[in-house]
Amino acid sequence: MTREPATRSMSGQAVSTFFTFTLLRAIASSGP
C-alpha cells in the first residue's frame, strides 16, 4: 500500500508527458 501513491504519480506523469507530446505533434502537423 505504501508503494501505490508513488506508482500512481509516476504513471500520471508518464500520461501527462505523452499527452503533451501528442498535443504538440498535432499542433505542428496542423500548422503551416
C-alpha atoms as a PDB file:
ATOM      1  CA  MET A   1       0.000   0.000   0.000  1.00  0.00           C
ATOM      2  CA  THR A   2       2.975   2.296   0.622  1.00  0.00           C
ATOM      3  CA  ARG A   3       4.136   1.811  -2.941  1.00  0.00           C
ATOM      4  CA  GLU A   4       0.793   2.666  -4.574  1.00  0.00           C
ATOM      5  CA  PRO A   5       0.951   6.507  -4.404  1.00  0.00           C
ATOM      6  CA  ALA A   6       4.440   6.583  -5.962  1.00  0.00           C
ATOM      7  CA  THR A   7       3.384   4.252  -8.765  1.00  0.00           C
ATOM      8  CA  ARG A   8       0.254   6.257  -9.438  1.00  0.00           C
ATOM      9  CA  SER A   9       2.236   9.512  -9.502  1.00  0.00           C
ATOM     10  CA  MET A  10       4.776   8.045 -11.931  1.00  0.00           C
ATOM     11  CA  SER A  11       2.003   6.732 -14.168  1.00  0.00           C
ATOM     12  CA  GLY A  12       0.227  10.077 -14.109  1.00  0.00           C
ATOM     13  CA  GLN A  13       3.446  11.868 -15.049  1.00  0.00           C
ATOM     14  CA  ALA A  14       4.004   9.488 -17.969  1.00  0.00           C
ATOM     15  CA  VAL A  15       0.443  10.015 -19.206  1.00  0.00           C
ATOM     16  CA  SER A  16       0.805  13.785 -18.877  1.00  0.00           C
ATOM     17  CA  THR A  17       4.078  13.764 -20.819  1.00  0.00           C
ATOM     18  CA  PHE A  18       2.621  11.531 -23.524  1.00  0.00           C
ATOM     19  CA  PHE A  19      -0.488  13.702 -23.815  1.00  0.00           C
ATOM     20  CA  THR A  20       1.578  16.892 -24.100  1.00  0.00           C
ATOM     21  CA  PHE A  21       3.823  15.297 -26.724  1.00  0.00           C
ATOM     22  CA  THR A  22       0.826  14.142 -28.750  1.00  0.00           C
ATOM     23  CA  LEU A  23      -0.794  17.567 -28.478  1.00  0.00           C
ATOM     24  CA  LEU A  24       2.369  19.304 -29.685  1.00  0.00           C
ATOM     25  CA  ARG A  25       2.631  16.889 -32.614  1.00  0.00           C
ATOM     26  CA  ALA A  26      -0.988  17.546 -33.551  1.00  0.00           C
ATOM     27  CA  ILE A  27      -0.440  21.316 -33.466  1.00  0.00           C
ATOM     28  CA  ALA A  28       2.751  21.023 -35.527  1.00  0.00           C
ATOM     29  CA  SER A  29       1.032  18.769 -38.062  1.00  0.00           C
ATOM     30  CA  SER A  30      -1.948  21.093 -38.493  1.00  0.00           C
ATOM     31  CA  GLY A  31       0.323  24.126 -38.707  1.00  0.00           C
ATOM     32  CA  PRO A  32       1.535  25.719 -41.961  1.00  0.00           C
END
